[in-house]
Amino acid sequence: PEIVVQATFPESNPFGHVVNGERNQIFLLVENKSDKNVTLQTVAGSFHNPETGKLFRNTSSLTYGLPLLEGTKLQIPYSFYSEFKPRDLRLNIWLEHTVDDNKYRVTAYDSVVTIVEPEPSWLDFKLLSTYLIVFAALGGVSYVAYNAYIPSQKPKRKRTTKVSAPVGTVTASGSSGYQEEWIPEHHLKKTKTKKAKPDNVAVSEESSSEVNGTEGKRTRKGKKY
């Protein structure tokens, strides 16, 4: 049966680039020019070396099972993925159909395509989530390694200064019981002069009283004659 297939990339991909890691789509326009009804079974493809024709990898195979009446057209989408280094490869896509339990294969696309990497985008949610997961994992590993290999520093205790006791015997003077060895000499002189003042005052009071007594005696003696 005469089956004609035309393959075209979508308008968003005018140069027919194949992007790694993304779903690449191509549309197949199938026309049945025979006088028999056919059934569109599967669409598959493969990548080859453009110079030697060596097979690199087969693409995914999609099953349709759609009937195509005689003299009619039908457009079907086909999606495939690529995981190659950026380079030029030959892409071969074919369509398998059946007529009266007989299987036939028709080439839908056979041309050289360019494999490219996806354009980086900072607004890509999947990319941002991947970065967050990686950073969180690195942070957790770093924290565990820090606690495992670096000892924690213990806080330093403050040293208490001990007061040295005076050498020799300690004598206390006065009712308050303070230690004279620890008091400067000029303070001791002041305290001693202050204590000596009341004794002088008492002595002066006694001498004045004696003078007054003698004067009184003299006056009394004078009144007798």
N, C-alpha and C. Protein backbone atom coordinates (compact mmCIF):
# COMPACT_ATOMS: atom_id res chain seq x y z
N PRO A 1 0.84 -1.20 0.00
CA PRO A 1 0.00 0.00 0.00
C PRO A 1 0.87 1.25 0.00
N GLU A 2 0.40 2.25 -0.66
CA GLU A 2 1.14 3.51 -0.75
C GLU A 2 0.76 4.40 0.44
N ILE A 3 1.73 4.51 1.38
CA ILE A 3 1.55 5.35 2.56
C ILE A 3 2.66 6.40 2.54
N VAL A 4 2.27 7.69 2.62
CA VAL A 4 3.23 8.78 2.59
C VAL A 4 3.23 9.46 3.96
N VAL A 5 4.44 9.68 4.48
CA VAL A 5 4.58 10.29 5.81
C VAL A 5 5.51 11.49 5.69
N GLN A 6 5.08 12.61 6.27
CA GLN A 6 5.90 13.82 6.35
C GLN A 6 6.09 14.20 7.82
N ALA A 7 7.32 14.47 8.17
CA ALA A 7 7.65 14.81 9.57
C ALA A 7 8.11 16.26 9.64
N THR A 8 7.60 16.98 10.60
CA THR A 8 7.97 18.38 10.82
C THR A 8 8.09 18.66 12.30
N PHE A 9 9.08 19.49 12.63
CA PHE A 9 9.22 19.94 14.01
C PHE A 9 8.24 21.08 14.28
N PRO A 10 7.86 21.29 15.53
CA PRO A 10 6.91 22.38 15.85
C PRO A 10 7.52 23.74 15.54
N GLU A 11 6.66 24.77 15.48
CA GLU A 11 7.11 26.13 15.18
C GLU A 11 8.06 26.67 16.24
N SER A 12 7.96 26.20 17.46
CA SER A 12 8.88 26.65 18.52
C SER A 12 10.29 26.12 18.32
N ASN A 13 10.48 25.16 17.42
CA ASN A 13 11.80 24.59 17.14
C ASN A 13 12.04 24.61 15.63
N PRO A 14 12.24 25.81 15.05
CA PRO A 14 12.36 25.90 13.58
C PRO A 14 13.64 25.26 13.02
N PHE A 15 14.71 25.19 13.83
CA PHE A 15 15.97 24.63 13.35
C PHE A 15 16.08 23.13 13.60
N GLY A 16 15.09 22.53 14.20
CA GLY A 16 15.11 21.10 14.45
C GLY A 16 16.18 20.65 15.42
N HIS A 17 16.42 21.44 16.48
CA HIS A 17 17.39 21.06 17.50
C HIS A 17 16.79 20.03 18.45
N VAL A 18 17.63 19.12 18.88
CA VAL A 18 17.23 18.11 19.86
C VAL A 18 17.88 18.48 21.18
N VAL A 19 17.08 18.76 22.20
CA VAL A 19 17.56 19.25 23.49
C VAL A 19 17.71 18.07 24.44
N ASN A 20 18.87 18.01 25.08
CA ASN A 20 19.11 16.93 26.04
C ASN A 20 18.25 17.10 27.28
N GLY A 21 17.75 15.98 27.79
CA GLY A 21 16.99 15.98 29.03
C GLY A 21 15.58 16.52 28.93
N GLU A 22 15.15 16.93 27.77
CA GLU A 22 13.80 17.45 27.59
C GLU A 22 13.03 16.59 26.58
N ARG A 23 11.72 16.74 26.64
CA ARG A 23 10.89 15.98 25.69
C ARG A 23 10.88 16.71 24.34
N ASN A 24 11.43 16.06 23.35
CA ASN A 24 11.46 16.60 21.99
C ASN A 24 10.28 16.02 21.20
N GLN A 25 9.61 16.87 20.50
CA GLN A 25 8.38 16.46 19.80
C GLN A 25 8.51 16.74 18.31
N ILE A 26 7.92 15.84 17.55
CA ILE A 26 7.86 15.97 16.10
C ILE A 26 6.49 15.45 15.65
N PHE A 27 5.95 16.08 14.62
CA PHE A 27 4.61 15.72 14.13
C PHE A 27 4.74 14.95 12.81
N LEU A 28 3.96 13.87 12.71
CA LEU A 28 3.95 13.03 11.51
C LEU A 28 2.60 13.15 10.83
N LEU A 29 2.65 13.59 9.58
CA LEU A 29 1.42 13.68 8.77
C LEU A 29 1.37 12.46 7.85
N VAL A 30 0.42 11.56 8.12
CA VAL A 30 0.33 10.28 7.41
C VAL A 30 -0.84 10.36 6.43
N GLU A 31 -0.57 9.98 5.18
CA GLU A 31 -1.60 9.99 4.13
C GLU A 31 -1.69 8.60 3.49
N ASN A 32 -2.92 8.08 3.46
CA ASN A 32 -3.17 6.76 2.87
C ASN A 32 -3.64 6.95 1.41
N LYS A 33 -2.72 6.70 0.48
CA LYS A 33 -3.05 6.86 -0.95
C LYS A 33 -3.44 5.53 -1.60
N SER A 34 -3.56 4.50 -0.81
CA SER A 34 -3.94 3.20 -1.36
C SER A 34 -5.45 3.05 -1.36
N ASP A 35 -5.90 1.93 -1.89
CA ASP A 35 -7.33 1.64 -1.92
C ASP A 35 -7.75 0.69 -0.81
N LYS A 36 -6.90 0.60 0.21
CA LYS A 36 -7.19 -0.28 1.33
C LYS A 36 -7.08 0.51 2.63
N ASN A 37 -7.80 0.04 3.60
CA ASN A 37 -7.69 0.62 4.93
C ASN A 37 -6.47 0.03 5.64
N VAL A 38 -5.76 0.89 6.36
CA VAL A 38 -4.56 0.47 7.09
C VAL A 38 -4.73 0.83 8.55
N THR A 39 -3.88 0.22 9.37
CA THR A 39 -3.87 0.51 10.81
C THR A 39 -2.47 0.97 11.20
N LEU A 40 -2.39 2.15 11.77
CA LEU A 40 -1.11 2.70 12.22
C LEU A 40 -0.77 2.06 13.57
N GLN A 41 0.29 1.29 13.61
CA GLN A 41 0.62 0.52 14.79
C GLN A 41 1.59 1.28 15.72
N THR A 42 2.83 1.46 15.33
CA THR A 42 3.85 2.05 16.20
C THR A 42 4.71 3.05 15.41
N VAL A 43 5.34 3.95 16.21
CA VAL A 43 6.33 4.88 15.68
C VAL A 43 7.56 4.78 16.58
N ALA A 44 8.74 4.65 15.98
CA ALA A 44 9.99 4.53 16.74
C ALA A 44 11.10 5.22 15.96
N GLY A 45 12.30 5.27 16.56
CA GLY A 45 13.41 5.94 15.90
C GLY A 45 14.74 5.50 16.48
N SER A 46 15.82 6.09 15.96
CA SER A 46 17.17 5.75 16.40
C SER A 46 18.12 6.87 15.99
N PHE A 47 19.26 6.96 16.76
CA PHE A 47 20.32 7.92 16.46
C PHE A 47 21.51 7.16 15.89
N HIS A 48 22.13 7.77 14.86
CA HIS A 48 23.25 7.14 14.19
C HIS A 48 24.36 8.15 13.98
N ASN A 49 25.56 7.61 13.76
CA ASN A 49 26.69 8.45 13.38
C ASN A 49 26.43 8.99 11.97
N PRO A 50 26.53 10.32 11.78
CA PRO A 50 26.20 10.88 10.46
C PRO A 50 27.16 10.46 9.35
N GLU A 51 28.35 10.00 9.69
CA GLU A 51 29.33 9.64 8.67
C GLU A 51 29.38 8.14 8.40
N THR A 52 29.43 7.38 9.49
CA THR A 52 29.54 5.93 9.32
C THR A 52 28.20 5.21 9.39
N GLY A 53 27.18 5.85 9.93
CA GLY A 53 25.88 5.20 10.06
C GLY A 53 25.80 4.25 11.24
N LYS A 54 26.78 4.29 12.13
CA LYS A 54 26.79 3.39 13.29
C LYS A 54 25.67 3.76 14.24
N LEU A 55 24.99 2.73 14.75
CA LEU A 55 23.88 2.95 15.67
C LEU A 55 24.40 3.35 17.04
N PHE A 56 23.86 4.47 17.57
CA PHE A 56 24.20 4.90 18.92
C PHE A 56 23.15 4.46 19.93
N ARG A 57 21.90 4.77 19.64
CA ARG A 57 20.84 4.44 20.60
C ARG A 57 19.48 4.52 19.89
N ASN A 58 18.59 3.63 20.32
CA ASN A 58 17.21 3.68 19.83
C ASN A 58 16.37 4.62 20.69
N THR A 59 15.41 5.25 20.08
CA THR A 59 14.50 6.11 20.81
C THR A 59 13.30 5.29 21.30
N SER A 60 12.45 5.95 22.05
CA SER A 60 11.27 5.25 22.59
C SER A 60 10.30 4.89 21.47
N SER A 61 9.58 3.81 21.69
CA SER A 61 8.60 3.33 20.71
C SER A 61 7.20 3.57 21.27
N LEU A 62 6.37 4.24 20.49
CA LEU A 62 5.00 4.56 20.90
C LEU A 62 4.01 3.76 20.07
N THR A 63 3.02 3.21 20.75
CA THR A 63 1.99 2.41 20.08
C THR A 63 0.73 3.24 19.93
N TYR A 64 0.11 3.20 18.72
CA TYR A 64 -1.09 4.00 18.45
C TYR A 64 -2.29 3.09 18.17
N GLY A 65 -2.18 2.20 17.23
CA GLY A 65 -3.32 1.32 16.87
C GLY A 65 -4.48 2.09 16.28
N LEU A 66 -4.18 3.10 15.44
CA LEU A 66 -5.23 3.93 14.84
C LEU A 66 -5.53 3.47 13.42
N PRO A 67 -6.83 3.34 13.08
CA PRO A 67 -7.17 2.97 11.70
C PRO A 67 -7.07 4.21 10.78
N LEU A 68 -6.61 3.99 9.57
CA LEU A 68 -6.50 5.07 8.59
C LEU A 68 -7.18 4.58 7.30
N LEU A 69 -8.30 5.21 7.02
CA LEU A 69 -9.08 4.79 5.85
C LEU A 69 -8.39 5.20 4.56
N GLU A 70 -8.78 4.59 3.49
CA GLU A 70 -8.17 4.88 2.19
C GLU A 70 -8.48 6.31 1.77
N GLY A 71 -7.45 6.98 1.24
CA GLY A 71 -7.60 8.34 0.75
C GLY A 71 -7.72 9.40 1.84
N THR A 72 -7.35 9.09 3.09
CA THR A 72 -7.45 10.05 4.19
C THR A 72 -6.06 10.38 4.74
N LYS A 73 -6.04 11.47 5.55
CA LYS A 73 -4.80 11.93 6.19
C LYS A 73 -5.01 11.97 7.70
N LEU A 74 -3.92 11.81 8.41
CA LEU A 74 -3.97 11.86 9.87
C LEU A 74 -2.61 12.34 10.39
N GLN A 75 -2.68 13.32 11.32
CA GLN A 75 -1.45 13.85 11.94
C GLN A 75 -1.33 13.29 13.36
N ILE A 76 -0.19 12.71 13.66
CA ILE A 76 0.05 12.14 14.98
C ILE A 76 1.35 12.71 15.54
N PRO A 77 1.39 12.95 16.87
CA PRO A 77 2.63 13.47 17.49
C PRO A 77 3.51 12.31 17.94
N TYR A 78 4.80 12.59 17.94
CA TYR A 78 5.77 11.61 18.42
C TYR A 78 6.79 12.35 19.29
N SER A 79 7.04 11.82 20.50
CA SER A 79 7.97 12.44 21.45
C SER A 79 9.11 11.48 21.74
N PHE A 80 10.30 12.03 21.93
CA PHE A 80 11.47 11.24 22.22
C PHE A 80 12.44 12.07 23.06
N TYR A 81 13.43 11.40 23.66
CA TYR A 81 14.40 12.04 24.53
C TYR A 81 15.81 11.77 24.02
N SER A 82 16.73 12.65 24.45
CA SER A 82 18.12 12.54 24.04
C SER A 82 19.03 12.77 25.23
N GLU A 83 20.10 11.96 25.30
CA GLU A 83 21.12 12.11 26.35
C GLU A 83 22.50 11.94 25.73
N PHE A 84 22.87 12.85 24.83
CA PHE A 84 24.15 12.79 24.16
C PHE A 84 24.92 14.08 24.41
N LYS A 85 26.22 14.04 24.15
CA LYS A 85 27.02 15.26 24.17
C LYS A 85 26.62 16.13 22.99
N PRO A 86 26.73 17.44 23.13
CA PRO A 86 26.37 18.32 22.01
C PRO A 86 27.19 17.98 20.75
N ARG A 87 26.47 17.61 19.73
CA ARG A 87 27.09 17.21 18.47
C ARG A 87 26.01 17.04 17.42
N ASP A 88 26.40 16.68 16.21
CA ASP A 88 25.45 16.40 15.12
C ASP A 88 25.29 14.89 14.97
N LEU A 89 24.03 14.44 14.95
CA LEU A 89 23.71 13.03 14.77
C LEU A 89 22.61 12.89 13.72
N ARG A 90 22.57 11.72 13.16
CA ARG A 90 21.50 11.44 12.18
C ARG A 90 20.34 10.77 12.91
N LEU A 91 19.17 11.37 12.74
CA LEU A 91 17.95 10.87 13.39
C LEU A 91 17.09 10.18 12.34
N ASN A 92 16.72 8.94 12.67
CA ASN A 92 15.88 8.14 11.77
C ASN A 92 14.60 7.77 12.51
N ILE A 93 13.46 8.14 11.95
CA ILE A 93 12.15 7.84 12.55
C ILE A 93 11.33 7.07 11.50
N TRP A 94 10.66 6.01 11.95
CA TRP A 94 9.86 5.21 11.02
C TRP A 94 8.48 4.91 11.60
N LEU A 95 7.59 4.57 10.72
CA LEU A 95 6.20 4.24 11.05
C LEU A 95 5.90 2.82 10.60
N GLU A 96 5.31 2.03 11.50
CA GLU A 96 4.90 0.68 11.17
C GLU A 96 3.37 0.61 11.10
N HIS A 97 2.85 0.03 10.05
CA HIS A 97 1.41 -0.12 9.88
C HIS A 97 1.10 -1.52 9.34
N THR A 98 -0.13 -1.94 9.47
CA THR A 98 -0.54 -3.28 9.05
C THR A 98 -1.70 -3.19 8.07
N VAL A 99 -1.70 -4.11 7.12
CA VAL A 99 -2.78 -4.27 6.14
C VAL A 99 -3.03 -5.76 5.99
N ASP A 100 -4.23 -6.21 6.39
CA ASP A 100 -4.60 -7.63 6.29
C ASP A 100 -3.56 -8.50 7.00
N ASP A 101 -3.24 -8.15 8.22
CA ASP A 101 -2.30 -8.89 9.07
C ASP A 101 -0.87 -8.89 8.53
N ASN A 102 -0.58 -8.03 7.59
CA ASN A 102 0.78 -7.87 7.09
C ASN A 102 1.37 -6.55 7.61
N LYS A 103 2.61 -6.62 8.11
CA LYS A 103 3.24 -5.43 8.70
C LYS A 103 4.21 -4.81 7.71
N TYR A 104 4.14 -3.45 7.66
CA TYR A 104 5.00 -2.69 6.76
C TYR A 104 5.67 -1.54 7.55
N ARG A 105 6.81 -1.13 7.04
CA ARG A 105 7.53 0.00 7.67
C ARG A 105 7.80 1.07 6.62
N VAL A 106 7.52 2.33 7.06
CA VAL A 106 7.72 3.48 6.20
C VAL A 106 8.60 4.48 6.94
N THR A 107 9.63 5.01 6.25
CA THR A 107 10.51 6.00 6.86
C THR A 107 9.78 7.33 6.94
N ALA A 108 9.73 7.90 8.15
CA ALA A 108 9.05 9.18 8.34
C ALA A 108 10.03 10.35 8.36
N TYR A 109 11.24 10.13 8.91
CA TYR A 109 12.23 11.21 9.00
C TYR A 109 13.61 10.58 8.99
N ASP A 110 14.51 11.15 8.19
CA ASP A 110 15.89 10.67 8.12
C ASP A 110 16.78 11.85 7.74
N SER A 111 17.32 12.52 8.80
CA SER A 111 18.13 13.71 8.56
C SER A 111 19.07 13.94 9.74
N VAL A 112 20.03 14.83 9.53
CA VAL A 112 21.00 15.16 10.58
C VAL A 112 20.41 16.26 11.46
N VAL A 113 20.49 16.03 12.77
CA VAL A 113 19.99 17.00 13.76
C VAL A 113 21.15 17.40 14.66
N THR A 114 20.98 18.53 15.35
CA THR A 114 22.00 19.05 16.26
C THR A 114 21.54 18.82 17.69
N ILE A 115 22.38 18.15 18.47
CA ILE A 115 22.09 17.91 19.89
C ILE A 115 22.62 19.11 20.68
N VAL A 116 21.78 19.72 21.48
CA VAL A 116 22.15 20.91 22.26
C VAL A 116 21.76 20.69 23.72
N GLU A 117 22.40 21.49 24.59
CA GLU A 117 22.07 21.49 26.01
C GLU A 117 20.95 22.49 26.28
N PRO A 118 20.12 22.24 27.30
CA PRO A 118 19.04 23.19 27.61
C PRO A 118 19.60 24.51 28.11
N GLU A 119 18.91 25.58 27.82
CA GLU A 119 19.33 26.90 28.29
C GLU A 119 19.08 27.01 29.79
N PRO A 120 20.09 27.47 30.55
CA PRO A 120 19.90 27.61 32.01
C PRO A 120 18.94 28.74 32.33
N SER A 121 18.11 28.51 33.32
CA SER A 121 17.15 29.52 33.75
C SER A 121 17.10 29.51 35.27
N TRP A 122 17.33 30.71 35.88
CA TRP A 122 17.29 30.83 37.34
C TRP A 122 15.87 30.72 37.88
N LEU A 123 14.88 30.86 37.00
CA LEU A 123 13.49 30.80 37.45
C LEU A 123 12.92 29.39 37.33
N ASP A 124 13.77 28.44 36.94
CA ASP A 124 13.31 27.07 36.81
C ASP A 124 13.10 26.47 38.20
N PHE A 125 11.87 26.05 38.47
CA PHE A 125 11.55 25.52 39.80
C PHE A 125 12.31 24.23 40.08
N LYS A 126 12.43 23.37 39.09
CA LYS A 126 13.14 22.10 39.29
C LYS A 126 14.61 22.35 39.59
N LEU A 127 15.20 23.31 38.88
CA LEU A 127 16.60 23.60 39.11
C LEU A 127 16.82 24.20 40.49
N LEU A 128 15.93 25.11 40.90
CA LEU A 128 16.06 25.73 42.22
C LEU A 128 15.88 24.69 43.33
N SER A 129 14.91 23.80 43.16
CA SER A 129 14.71 22.76 44.17
C SER A 129 15.92 21.83 44.26
N THR A 130 16.54 21.55 43.11
CA THR A 130 17.74 20.71 43.12
C THR A 130 18.88 21.40 43.87
N TYR A 131 19.06 22.71 43.62
CA TYR A 131 20.10 23.46 44.33
C TYR A 131 19.84 23.46 45.84
N LEU A 132 18.59 23.64 46.24
CA LEU A 132 18.28 23.67 47.66
C LEU A 132 18.57 22.33 48.33
N ILE A 133 18.23 21.24 47.64
CA ILE A 133 18.48 19.91 48.20
C ILE A 133 19.98 19.67 48.34
N VAL A 134 20.74 20.08 47.31
CA VAL A 134 22.20 19.87 47.35
C VAL A 134 22.83 20.69 48.47
N PHE A 135 22.41 21.98 48.59
CA PHE A 135 22.96 22.83 49.65
C PHE A 135 22.60 22.30 51.04
N ALA A 136 21.38 21.81 51.21
CA ALA A 136 20.97 21.27 52.50
C ALA A 136 21.78 20.02 52.84
N ALA A 137 22.02 19.17 51.84
CA ALA A 137 22.83 17.97 52.09
C ALA A 137 24.26 18.34 52.45
N LEU A 138 24.84 19.31 51.73
CA LEU A 138 26.21 19.72 52.05
C LEU A 138 26.29 20.34 53.44
N GLY A 139 25.28 21.14 53.81
CA GLY A 139 25.28 21.73 55.14
C GLY A 139 25.20 20.68 56.24
N GLY A 140 24.36 19.65 56.04
CA GLY A 140 24.26 18.59 57.03
C GLY A 140 25.55 17.80 57.17
N VAL A 141 26.19 17.49 56.05
CA VAL A 141 27.46 16.75 56.09
C VAL A 141 28.54 17.59 56.76
N SER A 142 28.58 18.89 56.46
CA SER A 142 29.58 19.75 57.07
C SER A 142 29.38 19.86 58.58
N TYR A 143 28.12 19.93 59.02
CA TYR A 143 27.84 20.03 60.45
C TYR A 143 28.27 18.76 61.18
N VAL A 144 27.97 17.60 60.59
CA VAL A 144 28.35 16.34 61.22
C VAL A 144 29.87 16.21 61.26
N ALA A 145 30.55 16.59 60.17
CA ALA A 145 32.02 16.50 60.15
C ALA A 145 32.64 17.45 61.16
N TYR A 146 32.05 18.65 61.31
CA TYR A 146 32.59 19.61 62.27
C TYR A 146 32.48 19.08 63.69
N ASN A 147 31.33 18.52 64.04
CA ASN A 147 31.16 17.98 65.39
C ASN A 147 31.99 16.72 65.63
N ALA A 148 32.30 15.99 64.56
CA ALA A 148 33.02 14.73 64.73
C ALA A 148 34.52 14.93 64.84
N TYR A 149 35.07 15.86 64.10
CA TYR A 149 36.53 16.00 64.01
C TYR A 149 37.09 17.20 64.76
N ILE A 150 36.27 18.19 65.08
CA ILE A 150 36.76 19.37 65.79
C ILE A 150 36.22 19.31 67.21
N PRO A 151 37.08 19.18 68.25
CA PRO A 151 36.59 19.10 69.65
C PRO A 151 36.02 20.43 70.08
N SER A 152 34.99 20.31 70.90
CA SER A 152 34.37 21.53 71.41
C SER A 152 35.24 22.14 72.50
N GLN A 153 35.38 23.44 72.48
CA GLN A 153 36.21 24.16 73.45
C GLN A 153 35.44 24.36 74.74
N LYS A 154 36.04 23.89 75.85
CA LYS A 154 35.41 24.04 77.16
C LYS A 154 35.67 25.43 77.70
N PRO A 155 34.69 26.02 78.37
CA PRO A 155 34.91 27.37 78.92
C PRO A 155 35.96 27.36 80.01
N LYS A 156 36.83 28.34 79.96
CA LYS A 156 37.90 28.44 80.94
C LYS A 156 37.36 28.91 82.29
N ARG A 157 37.83 28.24 83.36
CA ARG A 157 37.41 28.61 84.70
C ARG A 157 38.26 29.78 85.20
N LYS A 158 37.61 30.68 85.89
CA LYS A 158 38.33 31.83 86.45
C LYS A 158 39.11 31.39 87.69
N ARG A 159 40.35 31.81 87.74
CA ARG A 159 41.20 31.47 88.88
C ARG A 159 40.92 32.42 90.04
N THR A 160 40.71 31.84 91.22
CA THR A 160 40.45 32.65 92.42
C THR A 160 41.77 32.97 93.09
N THR A 161 42.00 34.23 93.35
CA THR A 161 43.25 34.68 94.00
C THR A 161 43.15 34.48 95.51
N LYS A 162 44.13 33.77 96.08
CA LYS A 162 44.16 33.53 97.52
C LYS A 162 44.92 34.64 98.24
N VAL A 163 44.35 35.08 99.34
CA VAL A 163 44.98 36.13 100.14
C VAL A 163 46.01 35.48 101.05
N SER A 164 47.24 35.93 100.95
CA SER A 164 48.32 35.34 101.78
C SER A 164 48.24 35.84 103.21
N ALA A 165 48.36 34.93 104.13
CA ALA A 165 48.30 35.28 105.55
C ALA A 165 49.60 35.96 105.97
N PRO A 166 49.58 36.85 106.92
CA PRO A 166 50.80 37.52 107.37
C PRO A 166 51.74 36.55 108.06
N VAL A 167 53.04 36.74 107.82
CA VAL A 167 54.06 35.86 108.41
C VAL A 167 54.31 36.28 109.85
N GLY A 168 54.38 35.30 110.71
CA GLY A 168 54.67 35.58 112.12
C GLY A 168 53.41 35.68 112.94
N THR A 169 53.56 36.08 114.19
CA THR A 169 52.42 36.19 115.08
C THR A 169 51.70 37.49 114.85
N VAL A 170 50.41 37.43 115.03
CA VAL A 170 49.56 38.60 114.83
C VAL A 170 49.04 39.04 116.18
N THR A 171 49.21 40.32 116.48
CA THR A 171 48.73 40.87 117.76
C THR A 171 47.63 41.84 117.50
N ALA A 172 46.66 41.82 118.34
CA ALA A 172 45.51 42.73 118.21
C ALA A 172 45.59 43.75 119.31
N SER A 173 45.30 44.99 119.00
CA SER A 173 45.34 46.07 119.99
C SER A 173 44.00 46.76 120.01
N GLY A 174 43.62 47.19 121.20
CA GLY A 174 42.34 47.90 121.31
C GLY A 174 41.19 46.96 121.45
N SER A 175 40.05 47.51 121.75
CA SER A 175 38.84 46.71 121.95
C SER A 175 38.29 46.19 120.65
N SER A 176 38.57 46.86 119.54
CA SER A 176 38.00 46.43 118.25
C SER A 176 38.72 45.22 117.71
N GLY A 177 39.94 44.90 118.18
CA GLY A 177 40.64 43.71 117.77
C GLY A 177 41.22 43.79 116.38
N TYR A 178 41.62 44.94 115.90
CA TYR A 178 42.22 45.06 114.56
C TYR A 178 43.70 44.75 114.68
N GLN A 179 44.31 44.40 113.53
CA GLN A 179 45.70 44.02 113.48
C GLN A 179 46.54 45.21 113.10
N GLU A 180 47.48 45.60 113.97
CA GLU A 180 48.30 46.78 113.73
C GLU A 180 49.36 46.54 112.67
N GLU A 181 49.70 45.26 112.43
CA GLU A 181 50.72 45.01 111.41
C GLU A 181 50.27 45.44 110.03
N TRP A 182 48.95 45.48 109.81
CA TRP A 182 48.43 45.82 108.47
C TRP A 182 48.11 47.29 108.32
N ILE A 183 48.30 48.10 109.38
CA ILE A 183 47.95 49.52 109.33
C ILE A 183 49.22 50.32 109.17
N PRO A 184 49.22 51.28 108.25
CA PRO A 184 50.42 52.12 108.07
C PRO A 184 50.78 52.85 109.36
N GLU A 185 52.07 53.23 109.47
CA GLU A 185 52.57 53.85 110.70
C GLU A 185 51.96 55.22 110.96
N HIS A 186 51.74 56.01 109.89
CA HIS A 186 51.22 57.36 110.13
C HIS A 186 49.79 57.31 110.66
N HIS A 187 49.01 56.24 110.26
CA HIS A 187 47.66 56.10 110.83
C HIS A 187 47.74 55.69 112.31
N LEU A 188 48.71 54.87 112.64
CA LEU A 188 48.84 54.47 114.03
C LEU A 188 49.21 55.66 114.92
N LYS A 189 50.09 56.57 114.41
CA LYS A 189 50.47 57.75 115.19
C LYS A 189 49.28 58.64 115.46
N LYS A 190 48.41 58.78 114.43
CA LYS A 190 47.22 59.62 114.63
C LYS A 190 46.32 59.05 115.69
N THR A 191 46.10 57.74 115.64
CA THR A 191 45.21 57.11 116.61
C THR A 191 45.77 57.22 118.03
N LYS A 192 47.14 57.10 118.16
CA LYS A 192 47.75 57.20 119.50
C LYS A 192 47.64 58.61 120.06
N THR A 193 47.79 59.63 119.24
CA THR A 193 47.67 61.02 119.73
C THR A 193 46.25 61.32 120.16
N LYS A 194 45.29 60.73 119.37
CA LYS A 194 43.89 60.96 119.74
C LYS A 194 43.59 60.31 121.09
N LYS A 195 44.17 59.15 121.35
CA LYS A 195 43.92 58.49 122.64
C LYS A 195 44.64 59.21 123.76
N ALA A 196 45.75 59.89 123.48
CA ALA A 196 46.50 60.57 124.55
C ALA A 196 45.85 61.86 125.00
N LYS A 197 45.02 62.45 124.16
CA LYS A 197 44.39 63.72 124.50
C LYS A 197 43.50 63.64 125.73
N PRO A 198 42.68 62.70 125.98
CA PRO A 198 41.84 62.67 127.18
C PRO A 198 42.65 62.65 128.46
N ASP A 199 43.83 62.00 128.48
CA ASP A 199 44.66 61.98 129.69
C ASP A 199 45.17 63.37 130.02
N ASN A 200 45.57 64.12 128.98
CA ASN A 200 46.04 65.49 129.21
C ASN A 200 44.93 66.38 129.75
N VAL A 201 43.75 66.13 129.17
CA VAL A 201 42.62 66.94 129.65
C VAL A 201 42.34 66.65 131.11
N ALA A 202 42.45 65.39 131.50
CA ALA A 202 42.20 65.04 132.91
C ALA A 202 43.23 65.66 133.82
N VAL A 203 44.48 65.65 133.36
CA VAL A 203 45.53 66.25 134.19
C VAL A 203 45.31 67.73 134.36
N SER A 204 44.92 68.42 133.30
CA SER A 204 44.67 69.87 133.41
C SER A 204 43.51 70.15 134.32
N GLU A 205 42.48 69.26 134.26
CA GLU A 205 41.32 69.47 135.13
C GLU A 205 41.73 69.31 136.60
N GLU A 206 42.60 68.32 136.87
CA GLU A 206 43.01 68.12 138.27
C GLU A 206 43.84 69.29 138.78
N SER A 207 44.74 69.81 137.91
CA SER A 207 45.58 70.93 138.34
C SER A 207 44.74 72.18 138.59
N SER A 208 43.71 72.37 137.77
CA SER A 208 42.86 73.55 137.96
C SER A 208 42.07 73.43 139.25
N SER A 209 41.65 72.16 139.53
CA SER A 209 40.88 71.99 140.77
C SER A 209 41.78 72.23 141.99
N GLU A 210 43.05 71.81 141.88
CA GLU A 210 43.96 72.05 143.00
C GLU A 210 44.20 73.54 143.19
N VAL A 211 44.36 74.27 142.11
CA VAL A 211 44.57 75.72 142.22
C VAL A 211 43.38 76.39 142.85
N ASN A 212 42.22 75.97 142.42
CA ASN A 212 40.99 76.56 142.98
C ASN A 212 40.89 76.25 144.49
N GLY A 213 41.36 75.07 144.86
CA GLY A 213 41.27 74.71 146.30
C GLY A 213 42.20 75.56 147.15
N THR A 214 43.39 75.83 146.64
CA THR A 214 44.34 76.64 147.41
C THR A 214 43.88 78.08 147.52
N GLU A 215 43.28 78.55 146.42
CA GLU A 215 42.77 79.93 146.46
C GLU A 215 41.62 80.05 147.46
N GLY A 216 40.83 79.00 147.52
CA GLY A 216 39.72 79.06 148.49
C GLY A 216 40.21 79.06 149.92
N LYS A 217 41.27 78.32 150.15
CA LYS A 217 41.80 78.31 151.49
C LYS A 217 42.35 79.67 151.87
N ARG A 218 43.01 80.32 150.92
CA ARG A 218 43.59 81.62 151.19
C ARG A 218 42.50 82.66 151.50
N THR A 219 41.43 82.57 150.80
CA THR A 219 40.35 83.54 151.05
C THR A 219 39.73 83.30 152.42
N ARG A 220 39.58 82.02 152.72
CA ARG A 220 38.99 81.75 154.04
C ARG A 220 39.90 82.25 155.17
N LYS A 221 41.21 82.03 155.01
CA LYS A 221 42.12 82.49 156.02
C LYS A 221 42.09 84.01 156.14
N GLY A 222 41.93 84.67 155.17
CA GLY A 222 41.87 86.13 155.23
C GLY A 222 40.67 86.65 155.94
N LYS A 223 39.50 85.94 155.91
CA LYS A 223 38.29 86.40 156.57
C LYS A 223 38.39 86.25 158.08
N LYS A 224 39.26 85.47 158.67
CA LYS A 224 39.32 85.22 160.12
C LYS A 224 39.80 86.47 160.87
N TYR A 225 40.70 87.17 160.38
CA TYR A 225 41.18 88.31 161.17
C TYR A 225 40.28 89.43 160.84
